[in-house]
Amino acid sequence: MGRTLASYILDAGSLDEAAFCERHPRDVLVVEPYAMEEEPELSTAAGGHLTSGVPSVYPIESKEAHGMGDRITIGRTGNNDVTIPASDVSKFHGYLTPAEGGGWNYTDADSTFGSRLNGQMLPPKRSTPISCGDRLRVASVDMTLYTPSGLYAYLMKVTRRGDAK
């Protein structure tokens, strides 16, 4: 289920890195705010809802609402693992799959407006490795992949708590 970035910031502020990673053991997608024309909130396949205007964090885990096994689906409709109700996001835009040896691969599902990784347009239906800190753009919606320790470091940087270490 997606949560606001603020809730992760609170955890990072009260925990050291090891405890934060133990509490949040999954890689995540941090979805940046975007303009929505139809719906007033973001939602997940698991039923979580987040208001627009704030970054949201989605742990990378399959809810299997889509019947696609270990694929982490991203799209506009509610049966996706990460639901983004922006009009330019395809119903089933793309998906993440586990990479051999760890990490993730992203595949654009031949979406209408495409996907970009770190600014480069991705070819449809071709698996591409994605790493911690990589920026994925799905139509007009930006998101970043983080490992638990990568997310902790990012939160320390944005809250400037990392400067004191």
N, C-alpha and C. Protein backbone atom coordinates (compact mmCIF):
# COMPACT_ATOMS: atom_id res chain seq x y z
N MET A 1 0.84 -1.17 0.00
CA MET A 1 0.00 0.00 0.00
C MET A 1 0.89 1.24 0.00
N GLY A 2 0.52 2.22 -0.77
CA GLY A 2 1.27 3.46 -0.82
C GLY A 2 1.06 4.29 0.43
N ARG A 3 2.11 5.03 0.81
CA ARG A 3 2.04 5.95 1.94
C ARG A 3 2.65 7.27 1.51
N THR A 4 2.38 8.30 2.26
CA THR A 4 3.01 9.58 1.95
C THR A 4 4.49 9.53 2.30
N LEU A 5 5.27 10.31 1.58
CA LEU A 5 6.69 10.40 1.86
C LEU A 5 6.91 10.91 3.29
N ALA A 6 6.02 11.77 3.76
CA ALA A 6 6.15 12.33 5.11
C ALA A 6 6.19 11.24 6.17
N SER A 7 5.41 10.18 6.02
CA SER A 7 5.42 9.11 7.02
C SER A 7 6.77 8.39 7.05
N TYR A 8 7.42 8.26 5.90
CA TYR A 8 8.75 7.68 5.86
C TYR A 8 9.78 8.62 6.47
N ILE A 9 9.61 9.92 6.26
CA ILE A 9 10.51 10.92 6.86
C ILE A 9 10.44 10.83 8.37
N LEU A 10 9.24 10.68 8.92
CA LEU A 10 9.09 10.55 10.38
C LEU A 10 9.84 9.32 10.89
N ASP A 11 9.70 8.19 10.18
CA ASP A 11 10.42 6.98 10.59
C ASP A 11 11.93 7.19 10.50
N ALA A 12 12.40 7.78 9.42
CA ALA A 12 13.84 8.00 9.25
C ALA A 12 14.38 8.92 10.33
N GLY A 13 13.57 9.88 10.77
CA GLY A 13 14.01 10.81 11.81
C GLY A 13 14.11 10.18 13.18
N SER A 14 13.39 9.07 13.39
CA SER A 14 13.40 8.45 14.71
C SER A 14 14.17 7.13 14.77
N LEU A 15 14.68 6.68 13.63
CA LEU A 15 15.39 5.40 13.57
C LEU A 15 16.76 5.56 12.94
N ASP A 16 17.70 4.68 13.31
CA ASP A 16 18.96 4.67 12.58
C ASP A 16 18.74 3.88 11.29
N GLU A 17 19.75 3.84 10.43
CA GLU A 17 19.58 3.21 9.12
C GLU A 17 19.19 1.74 9.23
N ALA A 18 19.84 0.99 10.11
CA ALA A 18 19.55 -0.45 10.24
C ALA A 18 18.11 -0.68 10.68
N ALA A 19 17.64 0.09 11.66
CA ALA A 19 16.27 -0.07 12.13
C ALA A 19 15.26 0.37 11.06
N PHE A 20 15.59 1.43 10.32
CA PHE A 20 14.72 1.88 9.23
C PHE A 20 14.59 0.78 8.18
N CYS A 21 15.72 0.19 7.79
CA CYS A 21 15.71 -0.86 6.76
C CYS A 21 15.00 -2.12 7.25
N GLU A 22 15.07 -2.39 8.55
CA GLU A 22 14.35 -3.53 9.10
C GLU A 22 12.84 -3.26 9.07
N ARG A 23 12.43 -2.05 9.37
CA ARG A 23 11.01 -1.69 9.35
C ARG A 23 10.47 -1.62 7.92
N HIS A 24 11.32 -1.20 6.99
CA HIS A 24 10.92 -1.04 5.58
C HIS A 24 11.86 -1.86 4.70
N PRO A 25 11.68 -3.19 4.65
CA PRO A 25 12.65 -4.06 3.98
C PRO A 25 12.52 -4.14 2.45
N ARG A 26 11.49 -3.57 1.88
CA ARG A 26 11.29 -3.69 0.43
C ARG A 26 11.81 -2.47 -0.32
N ASP A 27 12.25 -2.71 -1.57
CA ASP A 27 12.53 -1.60 -2.47
C ASP A 27 11.21 -0.86 -2.70
N VAL A 28 11.31 0.43 -3.05
CA VAL A 28 10.11 1.25 -3.21
C VAL A 28 10.19 2.10 -4.47
N LEU A 29 9.03 2.53 -4.93
CA LEU A 29 8.92 3.57 -5.94
C LEU A 29 8.38 4.81 -5.25
N VAL A 30 9.09 5.93 -5.38
CA VAL A 30 8.60 7.20 -4.87
C VAL A 30 8.00 7.93 -6.07
N VAL A 31 6.67 8.12 -6.03
CA VAL A 31 5.94 8.74 -7.12
C VAL A 31 5.76 10.22 -6.81
N GLU A 32 6.26 11.06 -7.73
CA GLU A 32 6.16 12.51 -7.56
C GLU A 32 4.72 12.98 -7.79
N PRO A 33 4.34 14.12 -7.19
CA PRO A 33 3.00 14.66 -7.43
C PRO A 33 2.80 14.96 -8.91
N TYR A 34 1.58 14.87 -9.36
CA TYR A 34 1.25 15.16 -10.75
C TYR A 34 -0.17 15.68 -10.82
N ALA A 35 -0.50 16.32 -11.94
CA ALA A 35 -1.84 16.87 -12.12
C ALA A 35 -2.80 15.76 -12.50
N MET A 36 -3.92 15.71 -11.81
CA MET A 36 -4.95 14.73 -12.13
C MET A 36 -6.19 15.47 -12.60
N GLU A 37 -6.80 14.94 -13.62
CA GLU A 37 -7.99 15.58 -14.17
C GLU A 37 -9.27 14.92 -13.71
N GLU A 38 -9.19 13.62 -13.34
CA GLU A 38 -10.40 12.86 -13.08
C GLU A 38 -10.65 12.55 -11.62
N GLU A 39 -9.62 12.12 -10.89
CA GLU A 39 -9.81 11.64 -9.53
C GLU A 39 -9.02 12.49 -8.54
N PRO A 40 -9.56 12.70 -7.35
CA PRO A 40 -8.88 13.54 -6.37
C PRO A 40 -7.81 12.85 -5.55
N GLU A 41 -7.55 11.56 -5.76
CA GLU A 41 -6.56 10.88 -4.93
C GLU A 41 -5.90 9.75 -5.69
N LEU A 42 -4.73 9.36 -5.20
CA LEU A 42 -4.02 8.19 -5.71
C LEU A 42 -4.54 6.97 -4.97
N SER A 43 -4.45 5.81 -5.57
CA SER A 43 -4.84 4.61 -4.86
C SER A 43 -3.93 3.46 -5.25
N THR A 44 -3.98 2.41 -4.46
CA THR A 44 -3.22 1.21 -4.77
C THR A 44 -4.20 0.06 -4.95
N ALA A 45 -3.74 -1.02 -5.54
CA ALA A 45 -4.58 -2.19 -5.72
C ALA A 45 -5.02 -2.75 -4.37
N ALA A 46 -4.23 -2.51 -3.34
CA ALA A 46 -4.56 -3.00 -2.01
C ALA A 46 -5.57 -2.08 -1.30
N GLY A 47 -5.97 -1.00 -1.94
CA GLY A 47 -6.99 -0.14 -1.37
C GLY A 47 -6.48 1.07 -0.65
N GLY A 48 -5.18 1.31 -0.61
CA GLY A 48 -4.66 2.50 0.05
C GLY A 48 -4.92 3.73 -0.80
N HIS A 49 -5.16 4.86 -0.16
CA HIS A 49 -5.43 6.09 -0.88
C HIS A 49 -4.52 7.20 -0.39
N LEU A 50 -4.02 7.99 -1.32
CA LEU A 50 -3.17 9.12 -0.99
C LEU A 50 -3.68 10.33 -1.75
N THR A 51 -3.68 11.47 -1.12
CA THR A 51 -4.10 12.67 -1.83
C THR A 51 -3.02 13.10 -2.79
N SER A 52 -3.42 13.80 -3.84
CA SER A 52 -2.44 14.29 -4.80
C SER A 52 -1.70 15.48 -4.19
N GLY A 53 -0.59 15.85 -4.79
CA GLY A 53 0.17 17.01 -4.34
C GLY A 53 1.33 16.68 -3.42
N VAL A 54 1.42 15.44 -2.98
CA VAL A 54 2.55 15.03 -2.15
C VAL A 54 3.14 13.76 -2.75
N PRO A 55 4.47 13.59 -2.63
CA PRO A 55 5.04 12.33 -3.12
C PRO A 55 4.45 11.15 -2.35
N SER A 56 4.29 10.03 -3.04
CA SER A 56 3.80 8.82 -2.39
C SER A 56 4.82 7.72 -2.58
N VAL A 57 4.84 6.79 -1.65
CA VAL A 57 5.82 5.72 -1.65
C VAL A 57 5.08 4.39 -1.76
N TYR A 58 5.47 3.59 -2.76
CA TYR A 58 4.86 2.29 -2.99
C TYR A 58 5.91 1.20 -2.81
N PRO A 59 5.80 0.38 -1.76
CA PRO A 59 6.70 -0.77 -1.66
C PRO A 59 6.50 -1.66 -2.89
N ILE A 60 7.58 -2.18 -3.41
CA ILE A 60 7.51 -3.02 -4.60
C ILE A 60 7.15 -4.43 -4.17
N GLU A 61 5.88 -4.73 -4.29
CA GLU A 61 5.38 -6.06 -3.98
C GLU A 61 4.11 -6.29 -4.78
N SER A 62 3.94 -7.51 -5.24
CA SER A 62 2.78 -7.84 -6.05
C SER A 62 1.58 -8.11 -5.15
N LYS A 63 0.48 -7.49 -5.48
CA LYS A 63 -0.77 -7.75 -4.76
C LYS A 63 -1.54 -8.88 -5.44
N GLU A 64 -1.05 -9.29 -6.62
CA GLU A 64 -1.63 -10.34 -7.43
C GLU A 64 -3.09 -10.10 -7.78
N ALA A 65 -3.53 -8.84 -7.72
CA ALA A 65 -4.88 -8.50 -8.15
C ALA A 65 -5.02 -8.61 -9.66
N HIS A 66 -3.90 -8.60 -10.34
CA HIS A 66 -3.90 -8.62 -11.80
C HIS A 66 -3.67 -10.01 -12.37
N GLY A 67 -3.32 -10.99 -11.56
CA GLY A 67 -3.09 -12.34 -12.02
C GLY A 67 -1.84 -12.51 -12.86
N MET A 68 -0.83 -11.65 -12.68
CA MET A 68 0.39 -11.70 -13.49
C MET A 68 1.60 -12.15 -12.68
N GLY A 69 1.39 -12.89 -11.61
CA GLY A 69 2.49 -13.45 -10.84
C GLY A 69 3.37 -12.42 -10.19
N ASP A 70 4.69 -12.55 -10.42
CA ASP A 70 5.66 -11.68 -9.73
C ASP A 70 5.86 -10.34 -10.42
N ARG A 71 5.11 -10.03 -11.45
CA ARG A 71 5.19 -8.71 -12.08
C ARG A 71 4.57 -7.66 -11.17
N ILE A 72 5.26 -6.54 -11.05
CA ILE A 72 4.73 -5.40 -10.31
C ILE A 72 4.18 -4.46 -11.38
N THR A 73 2.88 -4.42 -11.52
CA THR A 73 2.26 -3.68 -12.61
C THR A 73 2.03 -2.22 -12.24
N ILE A 74 2.16 -1.37 -13.25
CA ILE A 74 1.96 0.07 -13.10
C ILE A 74 0.97 0.49 -14.17
N GLY A 75 -0.07 1.21 -13.78
CA GLY A 75 -1.05 1.67 -14.75
C GLY A 75 -2.16 2.48 -14.12
N ARG A 76 -3.13 2.85 -14.96
CA ARG A 76 -4.21 3.74 -14.55
C ARG A 76 -5.34 3.01 -13.82
N THR A 77 -5.56 1.73 -14.10
CA THR A 77 -6.70 1.03 -13.51
C THR A 77 -6.35 0.43 -12.14
N GLY A 78 -7.38 0.23 -11.35
CA GLY A 78 -7.22 -0.21 -9.97
C GLY A 78 -6.68 -1.60 -9.76
N ASN A 79 -6.61 -2.42 -10.80
CA ASN A 79 -6.07 -3.77 -10.60
C ASN A 79 -4.55 -3.81 -10.72
N ASN A 80 -3.90 -2.68 -10.92
CA ASN A 80 -2.44 -2.61 -10.95
C ASN A 80 -1.89 -2.53 -9.54
N ASP A 81 -0.64 -2.97 -9.36
CA ASP A 81 0.01 -2.86 -8.05
C ASP A 81 0.25 -1.40 -7.68
N VAL A 82 0.62 -0.59 -8.66
CA VAL A 82 0.76 0.85 -8.48
C VAL A 82 -0.23 1.50 -9.44
N THR A 83 -1.27 2.10 -8.86
CA THR A 83 -2.32 2.73 -9.65
C THR A 83 -2.06 4.23 -9.71
N ILE A 84 -1.96 4.75 -10.94
CA ILE A 84 -1.72 6.17 -11.15
C ILE A 84 -2.85 6.70 -12.04
N PRO A 85 -3.85 7.34 -11.44
CA PRO A 85 -5.03 7.76 -12.21
C PRO A 85 -4.83 9.05 -13.01
N ALA A 86 -3.73 9.15 -13.72
CA ALA A 86 -3.50 10.28 -14.62
C ALA A 86 -3.98 9.87 -16.01
N SER A 87 -4.62 10.77 -16.71
CA SER A 87 -5.25 10.43 -17.98
C SER A 87 -4.27 9.96 -19.05
N ASP A 88 -3.00 10.37 -18.98
CA ASP A 88 -2.04 9.95 -20.01
C ASP A 88 -1.31 8.65 -19.67
N VAL A 89 -1.55 8.09 -18.49
CA VAL A 89 -0.99 6.80 -18.13
C VAL A 89 -1.93 5.73 -18.69
N SER A 90 -1.36 4.74 -19.38
CA SER A 90 -2.18 3.68 -19.96
C SER A 90 -2.80 2.82 -18.86
N LYS A 91 -3.89 2.13 -19.19
CA LYS A 91 -4.53 1.25 -18.21
C LYS A 91 -3.53 0.27 -17.62
N PHE A 92 -2.70 -0.33 -18.47
CA PHE A 92 -1.59 -1.19 -18.06
C PHE A 92 -0.38 -0.62 -18.78
N HIS A 93 0.39 0.21 -18.08
CA HIS A 93 1.46 0.99 -18.71
C HIS A 93 2.77 0.21 -18.82
N GLY A 94 3.13 -0.48 -17.75
CA GLY A 94 4.39 -1.21 -17.73
C GLY A 94 4.50 -2.04 -16.46
N TYR A 95 5.64 -2.70 -16.30
CA TYR A 95 5.79 -3.54 -15.12
C TYR A 95 7.27 -3.75 -14.77
N LEU A 96 7.47 -4.04 -13.49
CA LEU A 96 8.78 -4.41 -12.96
C LEU A 96 8.81 -5.92 -12.75
N THR A 97 9.96 -6.52 -13.02
CA THR A 97 10.17 -7.93 -12.71
C THR A 97 11.52 -8.06 -12.00
N PRO A 98 11.64 -9.07 -11.13
CA PRO A 98 12.92 -9.27 -10.46
C PRO A 98 14.01 -9.61 -11.48
N ALA A 99 15.19 -9.00 -11.29
CA ALA A 99 16.33 -9.28 -12.16
C ALA A 99 17.15 -10.42 -11.57
N GLU A 100 17.80 -11.18 -12.43
CA GLU A 100 18.69 -12.23 -11.94
C GLU A 100 19.79 -11.59 -11.11
N GLY A 101 20.06 -12.16 -9.96
CA GLY A 101 21.10 -11.63 -9.10
C GLY A 101 20.66 -10.45 -8.25
N GLY A 102 19.38 -10.12 -8.26
CA GLY A 102 18.85 -9.01 -7.47
C GLY A 102 18.54 -7.80 -8.32
N GLY A 103 17.81 -6.88 -7.76
CA GLY A 103 17.41 -5.68 -8.48
C GLY A 103 16.15 -5.91 -9.31
N TRP A 104 15.93 -5.01 -10.26
CA TRP A 104 14.69 -5.01 -11.03
C TRP A 104 14.95 -4.71 -12.50
N ASN A 105 14.00 -5.16 -13.32
CA ASN A 105 13.92 -4.78 -14.72
C ASN A 105 12.57 -4.12 -14.93
N TYR A 106 12.52 -3.12 -15.80
CA TYR A 106 11.26 -2.47 -16.15
C TYR A 106 10.97 -2.74 -17.62
N THR A 107 9.71 -2.99 -17.92
CA THR A 107 9.26 -3.20 -19.29
C THR A 107 8.05 -2.31 -19.56
N ASP A 108 8.13 -1.48 -20.59
CA ASP A 108 6.98 -0.71 -21.04
C ASP A 108 6.08 -1.68 -21.80
N ALA A 109 4.80 -1.69 -21.48
CA ALA A 109 3.85 -2.64 -22.06
C ALA A 109 3.24 -2.11 -23.37
N ASP A 110 4.05 -1.41 -24.17
CA ASP A 110 3.59 -0.81 -25.42
C ASP A 110 2.51 0.24 -25.13
N SER A 111 2.79 1.07 -24.12
CA SER A 111 1.86 2.11 -23.69
C SER A 111 1.73 3.20 -24.75
N THR A 112 0.66 3.97 -24.64
CA THR A 112 0.39 5.03 -25.61
C THR A 112 1.46 6.11 -25.58
N PHE A 113 1.83 6.60 -24.39
CA PHE A 113 2.77 7.71 -24.28
C PHE A 113 4.17 7.30 -23.85
N GLY A 114 4.41 6.02 -23.70
CA GLY A 114 5.75 5.52 -23.45
C GLY A 114 6.28 5.73 -22.05
N SER A 115 7.49 5.23 -21.87
CA SER A 115 8.20 5.31 -20.59
C SER A 115 9.64 5.75 -20.87
N ARG A 116 10.21 6.48 -19.91
CA ARG A 116 11.60 6.92 -20.02
C ARG A 116 12.33 6.50 -18.75
N LEU A 117 13.58 6.14 -18.92
CA LEU A 117 14.44 5.81 -17.78
C LEU A 117 15.61 6.78 -17.83
N ASN A 118 15.73 7.60 -16.79
CA ASN A 118 16.78 8.62 -16.72
C ASN A 118 16.81 9.47 -17.99
N GLY A 119 15.64 9.80 -18.50
CA GLY A 119 15.50 10.68 -19.66
C GLY A 119 15.52 9.99 -21.01
N GLN A 120 15.88 8.72 -21.06
CA GLN A 120 15.96 8.00 -22.32
C GLN A 120 14.67 7.22 -22.58
N MET A 121 14.09 7.40 -23.76
CA MET A 121 12.88 6.67 -24.12
C MET A 121 13.18 5.18 -24.18
N LEU A 122 12.30 4.39 -23.56
CA LEU A 122 12.48 2.95 -23.55
C LEU A 122 11.70 2.31 -24.70
N PRO A 123 12.29 1.33 -25.35
CA PRO A 123 11.55 0.62 -26.39
C PRO A 123 10.44 -0.22 -25.74
N PRO A 124 9.28 -0.32 -26.37
CA PRO A 124 8.21 -1.13 -25.80
C PRO A 124 8.56 -2.61 -25.80
N LYS A 125 8.04 -3.29 -24.80
CA LYS A 125 8.15 -4.74 -24.67
C LYS A 125 9.59 -5.25 -24.58
N ARG A 126 10.51 -4.40 -24.11
CA ARG A 126 11.89 -4.82 -23.92
C ARG A 126 12.29 -4.54 -22.47
N SER A 127 12.75 -5.56 -21.79
CA SER A 127 13.15 -5.46 -20.39
C SER A 127 14.43 -4.63 -20.27
N THR A 128 14.43 -3.67 -19.33
CA THR A 128 15.58 -2.79 -19.11
C THR A 128 15.91 -2.76 -17.62
N PRO A 129 17.18 -2.98 -17.25
CA PRO A 129 17.55 -2.91 -15.82
C PRO A 129 17.28 -1.53 -15.24
N ILE A 130 16.79 -1.50 -14.00
CA ILE A 130 16.56 -0.25 -13.28
C ILE A 130 17.19 -0.40 -11.90
N SER A 131 17.92 0.62 -11.47
CA SER A 131 18.69 0.56 -10.23
C SER A 131 18.25 1.64 -9.25
N CYS A 132 18.71 1.51 -8.02
CA CYS A 132 18.42 2.49 -6.98
C CYS A 132 18.81 3.88 -7.45
N GLY A 133 17.90 4.82 -7.32
CA GLY A 133 18.12 6.21 -7.71
C GLY A 133 17.75 6.51 -9.15
N ASP A 134 17.43 5.49 -9.94
CA ASP A 134 17.01 5.73 -11.33
C ASP A 134 15.63 6.37 -11.36
N ARG A 135 15.48 7.31 -12.31
CA ARG A 135 14.20 8.01 -12.48
C ARG A 135 13.45 7.39 -13.65
N LEU A 136 12.25 6.93 -13.34
CA LEU A 136 11.37 6.35 -14.33
C LEU A 136 10.24 7.33 -14.59
N ARG A 137 9.99 7.62 -15.86
CA ARG A 137 8.87 8.50 -16.23
C ARG A 137 7.86 7.65 -16.98
N VAL A 138 6.66 7.56 -16.44
CA VAL A 138 5.56 6.82 -17.02
C VAL A 138 4.58 7.85 -17.55
N ALA A 139 4.53 8.02 -18.89
CA ALA A 139 3.77 9.12 -19.51
C ALA A 139 4.32 10.42 -18.93
N SER A 140 3.52 11.17 -18.15
CA SER A 140 4.00 12.43 -17.57
C SER A 140 4.30 12.34 -16.08
N VAL A 141 4.26 11.13 -15.53
CA VAL A 141 4.43 10.93 -14.09
C VAL A 141 5.83 10.43 -13.79
N ASP A 142 6.54 11.13 -12.89
CA ASP A 142 7.90 10.78 -12.52
C ASP A 142 7.92 9.97 -11.22
N MET A 143 8.79 8.98 -11.21
CA MET A 143 8.99 8.18 -10.00
C MET A 143 10.45 7.76 -9.93
N THR A 144 10.90 7.45 -8.73
CA THR A 144 12.29 7.03 -8.51
C THR A 144 12.29 5.73 -7.73
N LEU A 145 13.16 4.81 -8.14
CA LEU A 145 13.32 3.54 -7.44
C LEU A 145 14.37 3.69 -6.35
N TYR A 146 14.07 3.18 -5.16
CA TYR A 146 15.03 3.18 -4.05
C TYR A 146 15.05 1.82 -3.36
N THR A 147 16.23 1.39 -2.96
CA THR A 147 16.39 0.28 -2.03
C THR A 147 16.09 0.86 -0.64
N PRO A 148 15.91 0.01 0.37
CA PRO A 148 15.67 0.57 1.72
C PRO A 148 16.79 1.51 2.18
N SER A 149 18.05 1.11 1.99
CA SER A 149 19.14 2.00 2.43
C SER A 149 19.24 3.23 1.53
N GLY A 150 18.92 3.08 0.25
CA GLY A 150 18.90 4.22 -0.66
C GLY A 150 17.82 5.22 -0.29
N LEU A 151 16.65 4.72 0.13
CA LEU A 151 15.57 5.61 0.56
C LEU A 151 15.96 6.33 1.84
N TYR A 152 16.59 5.61 2.77
CA TYR A 152 17.03 6.25 4.01
C TYR A 152 18.03 7.37 3.71
N ALA A 153 19.00 7.11 2.85
CA ALA A 153 19.99 8.14 2.49
C ALA A 153 19.31 9.33 1.82
N TYR A 154 18.36 9.07 0.94
CA TYR A 154 17.61 10.15 0.27
C TYR A 154 16.85 10.99 1.30
N LEU A 155 16.20 10.33 2.25
CA LEU A 155 15.44 11.06 3.27
C LEU A 155 16.35 11.89 4.16
N MET A 156 17.53 11.35 4.49
CA MET A 156 18.49 12.11 5.29
C MET A 156 18.96 13.34 4.51
N LYS A 157 19.13 13.19 3.21
CA LYS A 157 19.58 14.31 2.38
C LYS A 157 18.50 15.39 2.28
N VAL A 158 17.25 14.99 2.00
CA VAL A 158 16.20 16.00 1.82
C VAL A 158 15.82 16.67 3.12
N THR A 159 16.05 16.01 4.26
CA THR A 159 15.75 16.65 5.54
C THR A 159 17.00 17.28 6.15
N ARG A 160 18.13 17.15 5.44
CA ARG A 160 19.42 17.69 5.85
C ARG A 160 19.93 17.09 7.15
N ARG A 161 19.35 15.96 7.58
CA ARG A 161 19.84 15.29 8.77
C ARG A 161 21.16 14.60 8.49
N GLY A 162 21.39 14.26 7.23
CA GLY A 162 22.63 13.59 6.85
C GLY A 162 23.85 14.50 6.97
N ASP A 163 23.63 15.84 6.99
CA ASP A 163 24.74 16.79 7.10
C ASP A 163 25.45 16.69 8.45
N ALA A 164 24.72 16.27 9.46
CA ALA A 164 25.30 16.23 10.81
C ALA A 164 26.15 15.00 11.04
N LYS A 165 26.11 14.04 10.13
CA LYS A 165 26.86 12.79 10.32
C LYS A 165 28.24 12.88 9.78
